N, C-alpha and C. Protein backbone atom coordinates (compact mmCIF):
# COMPACT_ATOMS: atom_id res chain seq x y z
N MET A 1 0.84 -1.21 0.00
CA MET A 1 0.00 0.00 0.00
C MET A 1 0.87 1.25 0.00
N ASP A 2 0.56 2.18 -0.86
CA ASP A 2 1.24 3.46 -0.89
C ASP A 2 0.48 4.43 0.01
N LYS A 3 1.00 4.67 1.23
CA LYS A 3 0.30 5.50 2.19
C LYS A 3 0.16 6.95 1.71
N LYS A 4 1.03 7.38 0.80
CA LYS A 4 0.96 8.74 0.31
C LYS A 4 -0.29 8.97 -0.53
N ARG A 5 -0.88 7.91 -1.01
CA ARG A 5 -2.08 8.05 -1.83
C ARG A 5 -3.28 8.48 -1.00
N SER A 6 -3.26 8.20 0.29
CA SER A 6 -4.40 8.51 1.15
C SER A 6 -4.05 9.68 2.06
N HIS A 7 -4.88 10.71 2.04
CA HIS A 7 -4.65 11.89 2.87
C HIS A 7 -5.98 12.59 3.10
N TYR A 8 -5.92 13.79 3.67
CA TYR A 8 -7.14 14.54 3.96
C TYR A 8 -7.06 15.94 3.36
N LEU A 9 -8.22 16.48 3.02
CA LEU A 9 -8.32 17.79 2.40
C LEU A 9 -9.43 18.58 3.09
N VAL A 10 -9.12 19.81 3.46
CA VAL A 10 -10.15 20.72 3.94
C VAL A 10 -10.45 21.70 2.81
N HIS A 11 -11.72 21.71 2.39
CA HIS A 11 -12.14 22.58 1.30
C HIS A 11 -13.15 23.60 1.84
N GLY A 12 -12.92 24.85 1.49
CA GLY A 12 -13.86 25.90 1.87
C GLY A 12 -14.20 26.79 0.70
N LEU A 13 -15.47 27.10 0.57
CA LEU A 13 -15.93 28.06 -0.42
C LEU A 13 -17.09 28.82 0.24
N PHE A 14 -16.80 30.06 0.68
CA PHE A 14 -17.81 30.80 1.44
C PHE A 14 -17.59 32.30 1.26
N TRP A 15 -18.61 33.07 1.61
CA TRP A 15 -18.57 34.51 1.46
C TRP A 15 -17.95 35.17 2.68
N LYS A 16 -17.14 36.21 2.44
CA LYS A 16 -16.50 36.93 3.54
C LYS A 16 -17.47 37.90 4.21
N GLU A 17 -18.46 38.38 3.47
CA GLU A 17 -19.43 39.31 4.04
C GLU A 17 -20.70 39.29 3.20
N GLN A 18 -21.78 39.81 3.78
CA GLN A 18 -23.05 39.89 3.08
C GLN A 18 -23.08 41.15 2.22
N MET A 19 -23.66 41.05 1.02
CA MET A 19 -23.73 42.17 0.09
C MET A 19 -25.08 42.14 -0.60
N HIS A 20 -26.12 42.54 0.11
CA HIS A 20 -27.49 42.37 -0.39
C HIS A 20 -27.78 43.18 -1.65
N ASN A 21 -27.12 44.31 -1.80
CA ASN A 21 -27.41 45.17 -2.95
C ASN A 21 -26.27 45.21 -3.95
N ALA A 22 -25.30 44.31 -3.79
CA ALA A 22 -24.12 44.32 -4.65
C ALA A 22 -24.37 43.57 -5.95
N ASN A 23 -23.53 43.87 -6.93
CA ASN A 23 -23.54 43.10 -8.17
C ASN A 23 -22.93 41.73 -7.88
N TYR A 24 -23.65 40.67 -8.23
CA TYR A 24 -23.22 39.33 -7.85
C TYR A 24 -21.85 38.96 -8.41
N LEU A 25 -21.61 39.24 -9.67
CA LEU A 25 -20.35 38.83 -10.29
C LEU A 25 -19.17 39.58 -9.67
N LYS A 26 -19.35 40.89 -9.37
CA LYS A 26 -18.29 41.64 -8.71
C LYS A 26 -18.07 41.14 -7.29
N ALA A 27 -19.18 40.82 -6.63
CA ALA A 27 -19.08 40.32 -5.26
C ALA A 27 -18.35 38.99 -5.23
N ARG A 28 -18.65 38.15 -6.20
CA ARG A 28 -18.00 36.84 -6.26
C ARG A 28 -16.49 36.99 -6.46
N LYS A 29 -16.09 37.94 -7.28
CA LYS A 29 -14.68 38.13 -7.58
C LYS A 29 -13.91 38.61 -6.35
N ASN A 30 -14.52 39.48 -5.56
CA ASN A 30 -13.81 40.14 -4.46
C ASN A 30 -14.07 39.55 -3.08
N ASN A 31 -15.16 38.82 -2.91
CA ASN A 31 -15.57 38.44 -1.56
C ASN A 31 -15.84 36.95 -1.36
N LEU A 32 -15.60 36.14 -2.38
CA LEU A 32 -15.78 34.70 -2.22
C LEU A 32 -14.43 34.08 -1.84
N CYS A 33 -14.39 33.47 -0.67
CA CYS A 33 -13.14 32.90 -0.15
C CYS A 33 -13.05 31.42 -0.53
N SER A 34 -11.92 31.03 -1.12
CA SER A 34 -11.70 29.63 -1.52
C SER A 34 -10.49 29.07 -0.79
N ILE A 35 -10.67 27.90 -0.17
CA ILE A 35 -9.60 27.26 0.61
C ILE A 35 -9.47 25.80 0.18
N ASN A 36 -8.25 25.36 -0.05
CA ASN A 36 -7.94 23.96 -0.29
C ASN A 36 -6.64 23.66 0.45
N LYS A 37 -6.72 22.97 1.55
CA LYS A 37 -5.53 22.69 2.36
C LYS A 37 -5.42 21.19 2.59
N THR A 38 -4.27 20.63 2.21
CA THR A 38 -4.05 19.19 2.28
C THR A 38 -3.29 18.81 3.55
N PHE A 39 -3.66 17.68 4.12
CA PHE A 39 -3.00 17.16 5.31
C PHE A 39 -2.59 15.71 5.05
N SER A 40 -1.30 15.45 5.10
CA SER A 40 -0.79 14.11 4.87
C SER A 40 0.29 13.78 5.88
N ASP A 41 0.39 12.50 6.22
CA ASP A 41 1.40 12.06 7.19
C ASP A 41 1.52 10.55 7.05
N ALA A 42 2.69 10.01 7.41
CA ALA A 42 2.86 8.56 7.40
C ALA A 42 1.85 7.90 8.34
N ASP A 43 1.51 8.61 9.42
CA ASP A 43 0.44 8.19 10.33
C ASP A 43 -0.84 8.88 9.86
N LEU A 44 -1.68 8.15 9.12
CA LEU A 44 -2.85 8.75 8.50
C LEU A 44 -3.80 9.34 9.54
N SER A 45 -3.89 8.72 10.71
CA SER A 45 -4.78 9.23 11.74
C SER A 45 -4.32 10.60 12.24
N LYS A 46 -3.01 10.84 12.22
CA LYS A 46 -2.48 12.15 12.61
C LYS A 46 -2.89 13.21 11.59
N ALA A 47 -2.81 12.87 10.31
CA ALA A 47 -3.25 13.80 9.27
C ALA A 47 -4.73 14.10 9.42
N ARG A 48 -5.51 13.09 9.77
CA ARG A 48 -6.95 13.28 9.98
C ARG A 48 -7.21 14.24 11.13
N LYS A 49 -6.50 14.03 12.23
CA LYS A 49 -6.66 14.89 13.40
C LYS A 49 -6.32 16.33 13.07
N GLU A 50 -5.24 16.55 12.31
CA GLU A 50 -4.83 17.90 11.94
C GLU A 50 -5.85 18.55 11.00
N ALA A 51 -6.43 17.76 10.10
CA ALA A 51 -7.44 18.30 9.18
C ALA A 51 -8.66 18.77 9.95
N PHE A 52 -9.11 17.98 10.91
CA PHE A 52 -10.29 18.38 11.68
C PHE A 52 -9.99 19.57 12.59
N ALA A 53 -8.77 19.67 13.09
CA ALA A 53 -8.39 20.83 13.91
C ALA A 53 -8.42 22.10 13.06
N TYR A 54 -7.92 22.01 11.82
CA TYR A 54 -7.94 23.16 10.93
C TYR A 54 -9.37 23.52 10.55
N TYR A 55 -10.18 22.51 10.26
CA TYR A 55 -11.61 22.73 9.97
C TYR A 55 -12.27 23.50 11.10
N GLN A 56 -12.02 23.05 12.34
CA GLN A 56 -12.64 23.72 13.49
C GLN A 56 -12.14 25.14 13.64
N SER A 57 -10.87 25.40 13.29
CA SER A 57 -10.35 26.76 13.38
C SER A 57 -11.07 27.69 12.41
N LEU A 58 -11.45 27.18 11.23
CA LEU A 58 -12.23 27.97 10.29
C LEU A 58 -13.61 28.28 10.85
N ILE A 59 -14.24 27.28 11.44
CA ILE A 59 -15.56 27.47 12.04
C ILE A 59 -15.49 28.53 13.14
N ASP A 60 -14.46 28.46 13.96
CA ASP A 60 -14.30 29.42 15.06
C ASP A 60 -14.10 30.84 14.55
N VAL A 61 -13.32 30.99 13.46
CA VAL A 61 -13.10 32.32 12.88
C VAL A 61 -14.41 32.90 12.34
N LEU A 62 -15.22 32.07 11.70
CA LEU A 62 -16.50 32.54 11.17
C LEU A 62 -17.45 32.94 12.30
N TYR A 63 -17.43 32.18 13.37
CA TYR A 63 -18.25 32.55 14.53
C TYR A 63 -17.78 33.87 15.13
N GLU A 64 -16.47 34.06 15.15
CA GLU A 64 -15.93 35.31 15.67
C GLU A 64 -16.43 36.49 14.84
N ALA A 65 -16.52 36.30 13.53
CA ALA A 65 -17.04 37.35 12.65
C ALA A 65 -18.50 37.66 12.95
N LEU A 66 -19.23 36.67 13.44
CA LEU A 66 -20.63 36.87 13.82
C LEU A 66 -20.77 37.44 15.22
N GLY A 67 -19.65 37.53 15.94
CA GLY A 67 -19.71 37.98 17.33
C GLY A 67 -20.28 36.93 18.24
N ASP A 68 -20.07 35.68 17.91
CA ASP A 68 -20.64 34.56 18.66
C ASP A 68 -19.58 33.49 18.82
N THR A 69 -19.93 32.39 19.49
CA THR A 69 -19.00 31.29 19.67
C THR A 69 -19.66 29.97 19.29
N TYR A 70 -18.84 29.02 18.88
CA TYR A 70 -19.31 27.69 18.49
C TYR A 70 -19.83 26.93 19.71
N THR A 71 -20.96 26.26 19.54
CA THR A 71 -21.51 25.40 20.59
C THR A 71 -21.61 23.95 20.13
N THR A 72 -22.35 23.72 19.05
CA THR A 72 -22.52 22.36 18.53
C THR A 72 -22.49 22.39 17.00
N ASP A 73 -22.19 21.24 16.43
CA ASP A 73 -22.20 21.12 14.97
C ASP A 73 -23.59 21.41 14.42
N LYS A 74 -24.62 20.92 15.09
CA LYS A 74 -25.99 21.14 14.63
C LYS A 74 -26.33 22.62 14.58
N GLN A 75 -25.93 23.37 15.61
CA GLN A 75 -26.20 24.81 15.63
C GLN A 75 -25.39 25.54 14.58
N ALA A 76 -24.17 25.07 14.34
CA ALA A 76 -23.33 25.70 13.33
C ALA A 76 -23.96 25.59 11.95
N ARG A 77 -24.69 24.51 11.70
CA ARG A 77 -25.35 24.33 10.41
C ARG A 77 -26.44 25.36 10.19
N ILE A 78 -26.94 25.92 11.28
CA ILE A 78 -27.91 27.01 11.19
C ILE A 78 -27.20 28.35 11.06
N ASP A 79 -26.32 28.62 12.02
CA ASP A 79 -25.69 29.94 12.10
C ASP A 79 -24.85 30.28 10.89
N LEU A 80 -24.10 29.31 10.37
CA LEU A 80 -23.12 29.61 9.33
C LEU A 80 -23.70 29.62 7.92
N GLN A 81 -25.02 29.40 7.80
CA GLN A 81 -25.64 29.59 6.50
C GLN A 81 -25.42 31.02 6.01
N ALA A 82 -25.23 31.93 6.96
CA ALA A 82 -25.00 33.33 6.59
C ALA A 82 -23.77 33.50 5.72
N PHE A 83 -22.80 32.60 5.84
CA PHE A 83 -21.57 32.68 5.05
C PHE A 83 -21.68 31.92 3.72
N LEU A 84 -22.74 31.15 3.57
CA LEU A 84 -22.82 30.24 2.42
C LEU A 84 -23.74 30.74 1.31
N HIS A 85 -24.36 31.90 1.55
CA HIS A 85 -25.18 32.52 0.52
C HIS A 85 -24.91 34.02 0.54
N ALA A 86 -24.72 34.62 -0.61
CA ALA A 86 -24.26 36.00 -0.69
C ALA A 86 -25.31 37.02 -0.29
N GLY A 87 -26.58 36.62 -0.31
CA GLY A 87 -27.63 37.60 -0.04
C GLY A 87 -28.00 38.36 -1.30
N CYS A 88 -27.01 38.74 -2.11
CA CYS A 88 -27.27 39.46 -3.36
C CYS A 88 -27.42 38.49 -4.53
N SER A 89 -27.26 37.21 -4.28
CA SER A 89 -27.15 36.26 -5.37
C SER A 89 -28.48 35.97 -6.04
N THR A 90 -28.54 36.27 -7.33
CA THR A 90 -29.66 35.84 -8.16
C THR A 90 -29.13 35.05 -9.35
N ALA A 91 -27.81 34.88 -9.36
CA ALA A 91 -27.18 34.20 -10.50
C ALA A 91 -27.40 32.71 -10.46
N VAL A 92 -27.50 32.11 -11.61
CA VAL A 92 -27.62 30.67 -11.73
C VAL A 92 -26.65 30.17 -12.77
N THR A 93 -26.32 28.91 -12.68
CA THR A 93 -25.46 28.28 -13.67
C THR A 93 -26.29 27.30 -14.48
N ARG A 94 -26.07 27.28 -15.77
CA ARG A 94 -26.82 26.37 -16.64
C ARG A 94 -25.86 25.39 -17.30
N ILE A 95 -26.17 24.11 -17.16
CA ILE A 95 -25.43 23.05 -17.84
C ILE A 95 -26.46 22.26 -18.64
N GLY A 96 -26.44 22.45 -19.92
CA GLY A 96 -27.48 21.83 -20.73
C GLY A 96 -28.83 22.40 -20.35
N LYS A 97 -29.77 21.51 -19.95
CA LYS A 97 -31.10 21.95 -19.54
C LYS A 97 -31.20 22.13 -18.03
N MET A 98 -30.10 21.91 -17.31
CA MET A 98 -30.11 22.02 -15.86
C MET A 98 -29.73 23.44 -15.42
N THR A 99 -30.48 23.96 -14.47
CA THR A 99 -30.21 25.28 -13.92
C THR A 99 -30.15 25.16 -12.41
N PHE A 100 -29.13 25.74 -11.79
CA PHE A 100 -29.02 25.66 -10.34
C PHE A 100 -28.33 26.89 -9.77
N ASP A 101 -28.59 27.14 -8.50
CA ASP A 101 -28.04 28.28 -7.77
C ASP A 101 -26.53 28.12 -7.64
N ASP A 102 -25.77 29.17 -7.96
CA ASP A 102 -24.32 29.11 -7.87
C ASP A 102 -23.82 28.84 -6.45
N ASN A 103 -24.61 29.20 -5.45
CA ASN A 103 -24.21 28.96 -4.06
C ASN A 103 -24.27 27.49 -3.67
N LEU A 104 -24.81 26.67 -4.55
CA LEU A 104 -25.01 25.25 -4.25
C LEU A 104 -23.71 24.55 -3.87
N PHE A 105 -22.58 25.05 -4.34
CA PHE A 105 -21.30 24.38 -4.09
C PHE A 105 -20.55 24.98 -2.90
N ASN A 106 -21.15 25.96 -2.24
CA ASN A 106 -20.49 26.58 -1.10
C ASN A 106 -20.51 25.65 0.11
N GLU A 107 -19.37 25.55 0.79
CA GLU A 107 -19.24 24.61 1.89
C GLU A 107 -17.97 24.89 2.69
N ILE A 108 -17.91 24.29 3.87
CA ILE A 108 -16.67 24.17 4.65
C ILE A 108 -16.63 22.70 5.02
N ALA A 109 -15.69 21.93 4.47
CA ALA A 109 -15.80 20.48 4.55
C ALA A 109 -14.44 19.79 4.66
N VAL A 110 -14.50 18.58 5.21
CA VAL A 110 -13.32 17.71 5.30
C VAL A 110 -13.53 16.53 4.37
N TYR A 111 -12.53 16.26 3.55
CA TYR A 111 -12.58 15.13 2.62
C TYR A 111 -11.46 14.13 2.94
N TRP A 112 -11.79 12.86 2.83
CA TRP A 112 -10.78 11.81 2.84
C TRP A 112 -10.45 11.54 1.38
N VAL A 113 -9.18 11.66 1.03
CA VAL A 113 -8.76 11.47 -0.36
C VAL A 113 -7.93 10.19 -0.45
N ASN A 114 -8.39 9.28 -1.27
CA ASN A 114 -7.68 8.02 -1.46
C ASN A 114 -7.42 7.84 -2.95
N GLY A 115 -6.15 8.02 -3.36
CA GLY A 115 -5.85 8.01 -4.78
C GLY A 115 -6.48 9.23 -5.43
N LYS A 116 -7.29 9.04 -6.43
CA LYS A 116 -7.96 10.14 -7.12
C LYS A 116 -9.39 10.35 -6.62
N LYS A 117 -9.78 9.56 -5.63
CA LYS A 117 -11.15 9.64 -5.13
C LYS A 117 -11.23 10.53 -3.90
N LYS A 118 -12.06 11.57 -3.98
CA LYS A 118 -12.25 12.51 -2.89
C LYS A 118 -13.61 12.24 -2.25
N LYS A 119 -13.61 11.91 -0.97
CA LYS A 119 -14.84 11.49 -0.30
C LYS A 119 -15.16 12.42 0.88
N LEU A 120 -16.34 13.02 0.84
CA LEU A 120 -16.81 13.89 1.91
C LEU A 120 -17.03 13.08 3.19
N ILE A 121 -16.40 13.49 4.31
CA ILE A 121 -16.63 12.80 5.58
C ILE A 121 -17.18 13.74 6.66
N HIS A 122 -17.14 15.04 6.42
CA HIS A 122 -17.77 15.97 7.35
C HIS A 122 -17.82 17.35 6.72
N GLY A 123 -18.81 18.14 7.11
CA GLY A 123 -18.86 19.50 6.61
C GLY A 123 -20.18 20.19 6.85
N ILE A 124 -20.16 21.48 6.55
CA ILE A 124 -21.36 22.32 6.57
C ILE A 124 -21.49 22.90 5.18
N TRP A 125 -22.67 22.83 4.61
CA TRP A 125 -22.83 23.27 3.24
C TRP A 125 -24.10 24.10 3.10
N TYR A 126 -24.18 24.80 1.97
CA TYR A 126 -25.33 25.65 1.67
C TYR A 126 -26.58 24.80 1.49
N ARG A 127 -27.67 25.28 2.12
CA ARG A 127 -28.96 24.61 1.97
C ARG A 127 -29.95 25.60 1.37
N PRO A 128 -30.40 25.39 0.13
CA PRO A 128 -31.37 26.30 -0.47
C PRO A 128 -32.62 26.40 0.39
N LYS A 129 -33.24 27.57 0.38
CA LYS A 129 -34.40 27.83 1.24
C LYS A 129 -35.48 26.77 1.07
N GLU A 130 -35.73 26.36 -0.17
CA GLU A 130 -36.81 25.40 -0.41
C GLU A 130 -36.46 24.00 0.07
N LYS A 131 -35.20 23.77 0.46
CA LYS A 131 -34.79 22.44 0.92
C LYS A 131 -34.38 22.43 2.39
N LEU A 132 -34.62 23.55 3.08
CA LEU A 132 -34.15 23.65 4.46
C LEU A 132 -34.66 22.53 5.35
N HIS A 133 -35.90 22.10 5.12
CA HIS A 133 -36.51 21.13 6.02
C HIS A 133 -36.74 19.77 5.34
N GLN A 134 -36.01 19.54 4.26
CA GLN A 134 -36.08 18.26 3.57
C GLN A 134 -34.85 17.41 3.92
N PRO A 135 -34.98 16.09 3.83
CA PRO A 135 -33.80 15.22 4.07
C PRO A 135 -32.66 15.62 3.14
N ASP A 136 -31.45 15.56 3.65
CA ASP A 136 -30.27 16.01 2.92
C ASP A 136 -29.52 14.81 2.37
N GLU A 137 -29.47 14.68 1.04
CA GLU A 137 -28.81 13.54 0.41
C GLU A 137 -27.32 13.50 0.70
N LEU A 138 -26.72 14.67 1.00
CA LEU A 138 -25.30 14.69 1.31
C LEU A 138 -24.99 13.96 2.62
N LEU A 139 -25.96 13.90 3.52
CA LEU A 139 -25.74 13.16 4.77
C LEU A 139 -25.59 11.67 4.50
N THR A 140 -26.37 11.16 3.56
CA THR A 140 -26.25 9.75 3.19
C THR A 140 -24.88 9.48 2.57
N LEU A 141 -24.45 10.38 1.70
CA LEU A 141 -23.13 10.25 1.09
C LEU A 141 -22.05 10.29 2.17
N MET A 142 -22.18 11.24 3.10
CA MET A 142 -21.20 11.37 4.17
C MET A 142 -21.15 10.11 5.03
N GLY A 143 -22.33 9.56 5.36
CA GLY A 143 -22.37 8.34 6.15
C GLY A 143 -21.70 7.18 5.44
N ASN A 144 -22.00 7.01 4.16
CA ASN A 144 -21.37 5.93 3.39
C ASN A 144 -19.86 6.09 3.33
N ASN A 145 -19.39 7.32 3.17
CA ASN A 145 -17.95 7.56 3.09
C ASN A 145 -17.25 7.29 4.41
N LEU A 146 -17.90 7.60 5.53
CA LEU A 146 -17.32 7.31 6.83
C LEU A 146 -17.21 5.80 7.06
N ILE A 147 -18.19 5.07 6.58
CA ILE A 147 -18.14 3.61 6.67
C ILE A 147 -16.96 3.07 5.87
N LYS A 148 -16.77 3.61 4.67
CA LYS A 148 -15.66 3.18 3.81
C LYS A 148 -14.31 3.57 4.41
N GLU A 149 -14.24 4.75 5.00
CA GLU A 149 -13.00 5.19 5.63
C GLU A 149 -12.61 4.26 6.76
N HIS A 150 -13.57 3.91 7.61
CA HIS A 150 -13.31 3.00 8.73
C HIS A 150 -12.85 1.64 8.24
N ALA A 151 -13.50 1.16 7.18
CA ALA A 151 -13.13 -0.13 6.59
C ALA A 151 -11.71 -0.08 6.04
N TYR A 152 -11.31 1.06 5.48
CA TYR A 152 -9.96 1.24 4.93
C TYR A 152 -8.93 1.12 6.04
N TYR A 153 -9.17 1.79 7.16
CA TYR A 153 -8.25 1.71 8.30
C TYR A 153 -8.13 0.28 8.80
N GLU A 154 -9.25 -0.40 8.89
CA GLU A 154 -9.23 -1.77 9.39
C GLU A 154 -8.54 -2.71 8.40
N HIS A 155 -8.83 -2.55 7.12
CA HIS A 155 -8.27 -3.44 6.10
C HIS A 155 -6.75 -3.37 6.09
N TYR A 156 -6.20 -2.15 6.22
CA TYR A 156 -4.74 -1.98 6.19
C TYR A 156 -4.13 -1.93 7.58
N ASN A 157 -4.96 -2.26 8.59
CA ASN A 157 -4.49 -2.31 9.97
C ASN A 157 -3.80 -1.00 10.38
N LEU A 158 -4.43 0.11 10.02
CA LEU A 158 -3.89 1.43 10.36
C LEU A 158 -4.34 1.83 11.76
N PRO A 159 -3.48 2.43 12.54
CA PRO A 159 -3.85 2.82 13.90
C PRO A 159 -4.81 4.01 13.90
N PHE A 160 -5.73 4.02 14.84
CA PHE A 160 -6.59 5.18 15.06
C PHE A 160 -6.93 5.24 16.54
N GLU A 161 -7.17 6.47 17.02
CA GLU A 161 -7.34 6.68 18.44
C GLU A 161 -8.67 6.18 18.97
N ASP A 162 -9.71 6.29 18.16
CA ASP A 162 -11.04 6.00 18.68
C ASP A 162 -11.98 5.65 17.53
N GLU A 163 -13.08 5.02 17.88
CA GLU A 163 -14.16 4.76 16.95
C GLU A 163 -15.47 4.89 17.71
N THR A 164 -16.53 5.13 16.99
CA THR A 164 -17.82 5.31 17.65
C THR A 164 -18.90 4.57 16.89
N LEU A 165 -19.84 3.99 17.62
CA LEU A 165 -20.97 3.29 17.00
C LEU A 165 -22.08 4.30 16.77
N CYS A 166 -22.45 4.49 15.51
CA CYS A 166 -23.40 5.54 15.14
C CYS A 166 -24.72 4.95 14.64
N ASP A 167 -25.79 5.61 15.01
CA ASP A 167 -27.12 5.24 14.55
C ASP A 167 -27.39 5.96 13.23
N MET A 168 -27.27 5.23 12.13
CA MET A 168 -27.55 5.80 10.81
C MET A 168 -28.81 5.20 10.21
N THR A 169 -29.70 4.75 11.07
CA THR A 169 -30.90 4.07 10.58
C THR A 169 -31.80 5.01 9.77
N ASP A 170 -31.79 6.31 10.10
CA ASP A 170 -32.59 7.26 9.32
C ASP A 170 -32.10 7.38 7.88
N LEU A 171 -30.86 6.96 7.64
CA LEU A 171 -30.30 6.99 6.29
C LEU A 171 -30.31 5.60 5.65
N ASN A 172 -30.99 4.66 6.33
CA ASN A 172 -31.05 3.27 5.87
C ASN A 172 -29.68 2.61 5.83
N LEU A 173 -28.80 3.03 6.77
CA LEU A 173 -27.46 2.46 6.84
C LEU A 173 -27.25 1.65 8.12
N GLY A 174 -28.26 1.58 8.96
CA GLY A 174 -28.17 0.79 10.18
C GLY A 174 -27.24 1.43 11.21
N PHE A 175 -26.70 0.60 12.10
CA PHE A 175 -25.72 1.04 13.08
C PHE A 175 -24.33 0.69 12.55
N GLN A 176 -23.43 1.67 12.59
CA GLN A 176 -22.12 1.49 11.98
C GLN A 176 -21.01 2.05 12.88
N PHE A 177 -19.88 1.35 12.91
CA PHE A 177 -18.69 1.88 13.55
C PHE A 177 -17.98 2.79 12.55
N VAL A 178 -17.67 4.02 12.98
CA VAL A 178 -16.93 4.97 12.15
C VAL A 178 -15.91 5.70 13.02
N LEU A 179 -14.98 6.38 12.37
CA LEU A 179 -14.06 7.25 13.08
C LEU A 179 -14.82 8.52 13.48
N PRO A 180 -14.53 9.08 14.64
CA PRO A 180 -15.32 10.21 15.15
C PRO A 180 -15.25 11.46 14.27
N THR A 181 -16.36 12.17 14.23
CA THR A 181 -16.44 13.51 13.63
C THR A 181 -17.32 14.35 14.56
N PRO A 182 -17.39 15.67 14.34
CA PRO A 182 -18.26 16.49 15.20
C PRO A 182 -19.75 16.22 15.02
N PHE A 183 -20.13 15.53 13.96
CA PHE A 183 -21.56 15.32 13.68
C PHE A 183 -22.18 14.38 14.72
N ASP A 184 -23.35 14.76 15.23
CA ASP A 184 -24.06 13.97 16.23
C ASP A 184 -25.00 13.00 15.53
N TRP A 185 -24.47 11.84 15.19
CA TRP A 185 -25.28 10.86 14.47
C TRP A 185 -26.43 10.33 15.31
N ASP A 186 -26.21 10.14 16.59
CA ASP A 186 -27.26 9.55 17.44
C ASP A 186 -28.38 10.54 17.73
N GLY A 187 -28.10 11.83 17.64
CA GLY A 187 -29.11 12.81 18.00
C GLY A 187 -29.80 13.49 16.83
N PHE A 188 -29.34 13.20 15.62
CA PHE A 188 -29.89 13.96 14.49
C PHE A 188 -31.18 13.35 13.94
N ALA A 189 -31.99 14.25 13.38
CA ALA A 189 -33.13 13.85 12.55
C ALA A 189 -33.10 14.79 11.36
N ASN A 190 -33.16 14.26 10.16
CA ASN A 190 -32.97 15.09 8.97
C ASN A 190 -33.83 16.35 8.98
N GLU A 191 -35.11 16.17 9.35
CA GLU A 191 -36.02 17.29 9.24
C GLU A 191 -35.75 18.36 10.30
N ASN A 192 -34.92 18.08 11.28
CA ASN A 192 -34.66 19.04 12.35
C ASN A 192 -33.26 19.63 12.27
N LEU A 193 -32.52 19.40 11.18
CA LEU A 193 -31.17 19.94 11.08
C LEU A 193 -31.18 21.45 11.14
N LEU A 194 -32.22 22.06 10.62
CA LEU A 194 -32.38 23.51 10.73
C LEU A 194 -33.71 23.79 11.41
N ASP A 195 -33.68 24.59 12.46
CA ASP A 195 -34.85 24.92 13.25
C ASP A 195 -35.88 25.64 12.39
N GLU A 196 -37.11 25.11 12.36
CA GLU A 196 -38.13 25.69 11.51
C GLU A 196 -38.53 27.10 11.94
N THR A 197 -38.18 27.51 13.15
CA THR A 197 -38.53 28.85 13.61
C THR A 197 -37.57 29.90 13.08
N GLN A 198 -36.47 29.47 12.45
CA GLN A 198 -35.49 30.41 11.93
C GLN A 198 -35.55 30.43 10.41
N SER A 199 -35.61 31.61 9.84
CA SER A 199 -35.67 31.72 8.38
C SER A 199 -34.30 32.03 7.83
N ILE A 200 -34.08 31.61 6.60
CA ILE A 200 -32.79 31.88 5.97
C ILE A 200 -32.59 33.38 5.79
N ALA A 201 -33.69 34.12 5.62
CA ALA A 201 -33.57 35.57 5.45
C ALA A 201 -33.01 36.22 6.71
N SER A 202 -33.48 35.78 7.89
CA SER A 202 -32.99 36.37 9.12
C SER A 202 -31.53 36.02 9.36
N LEU A 203 -31.13 34.82 8.96
CA LEU A 203 -29.74 34.41 9.12
C LEU A 203 -28.84 35.23 8.21
N GLN A 204 -29.30 35.47 6.99
CA GLN A 204 -28.48 36.18 6.02
C GLN A 204 -28.42 37.68 6.29
N SER A 205 -29.29 38.17 7.17
CA SER A 205 -29.29 39.60 7.47
C SER A 205 -28.28 39.95 8.55
N LYS A 206 -27.67 38.95 9.18
CA LYS A 206 -26.68 39.23 10.21
C LYS A 206 -25.45 39.90 9.60
N PRO A 207 -25.04 41.05 10.13
CA PRO A 207 -23.83 41.70 9.59
C PRO A 207 -22.58 40.98 10.06
N PHE A 208 -21.63 40.81 9.18
CA PHE A 208 -20.37 40.19 9.56
C PHE A 208 -19.33 40.49 8.50
N THR A 209 -18.10 40.35 8.87
CA THR A 209 -16.98 40.38 7.93
C THR A 209 -15.99 39.34 8.39
N ALA A 210 -15.75 38.33 7.58
CA ALA A 210 -14.85 37.26 7.96
C ALA A 210 -13.41 37.74 7.88
N ASN A 211 -12.56 37.15 8.71
CA ASN A 211 -11.14 37.48 8.72
C ASN A 211 -10.53 37.09 7.37
N THR A 212 -10.07 38.09 6.62
CA THR A 212 -9.54 37.81 5.29
C THR A 212 -8.14 37.22 5.32
N SER A 213 -7.58 37.04 6.53
CA SER A 213 -6.24 36.47 6.63
C SER A 213 -6.27 34.95 6.76
N ILE A 214 -7.47 34.36 6.64
CA ILE A 214 -7.59 32.91 6.71
C ILE A 214 -6.72 32.28 5.63
N HIS A 215 -5.93 31.28 6.00
CA HIS A 215 -5.10 30.60 4.99
C HIS A 215 -4.81 29.17 5.47
């Protein structure tokens, strides 16, 4: 096994500030922050730990911009939507007959990369208003990838500090042992990931400016 083939990637694509009346294309050029940071080590579990530490540092910086502090992953999925949609965005991308919101790809996420395959194992991503209270297909993908990651460690007898038994029955994946992430698998319900009493408009109206020195 070539251990160098397997590593971790933290990917971020989010807005530094809200611009409700700005021109979308100009705003995208000047205020959309893109991050791709790779973590690799002969001890793959160490690279994983460093990737999640860096991910959490990004979350903390964004909370600082909101004048708030991180409490739980579930709450962060609500609060940080403010960074994942520009507020001024009316632009869409068209591929053939398909049309979709450009913000659809905005996220702050951790990927396990094995060879040329990049697999989402944790993250916070943009949720369109019309899908706020619908089951999220990315959670199923994330659950499957965590199962595969755990199997990879076991197959190659790679050391890891901990594992947790997660209830993924809502995703039709049963109970599974996976490597830990901040996501609360035992406590989540798809329809409750975002509190129905909070609107995306109120979240996007929060004033903030993210630290532009993030790297």
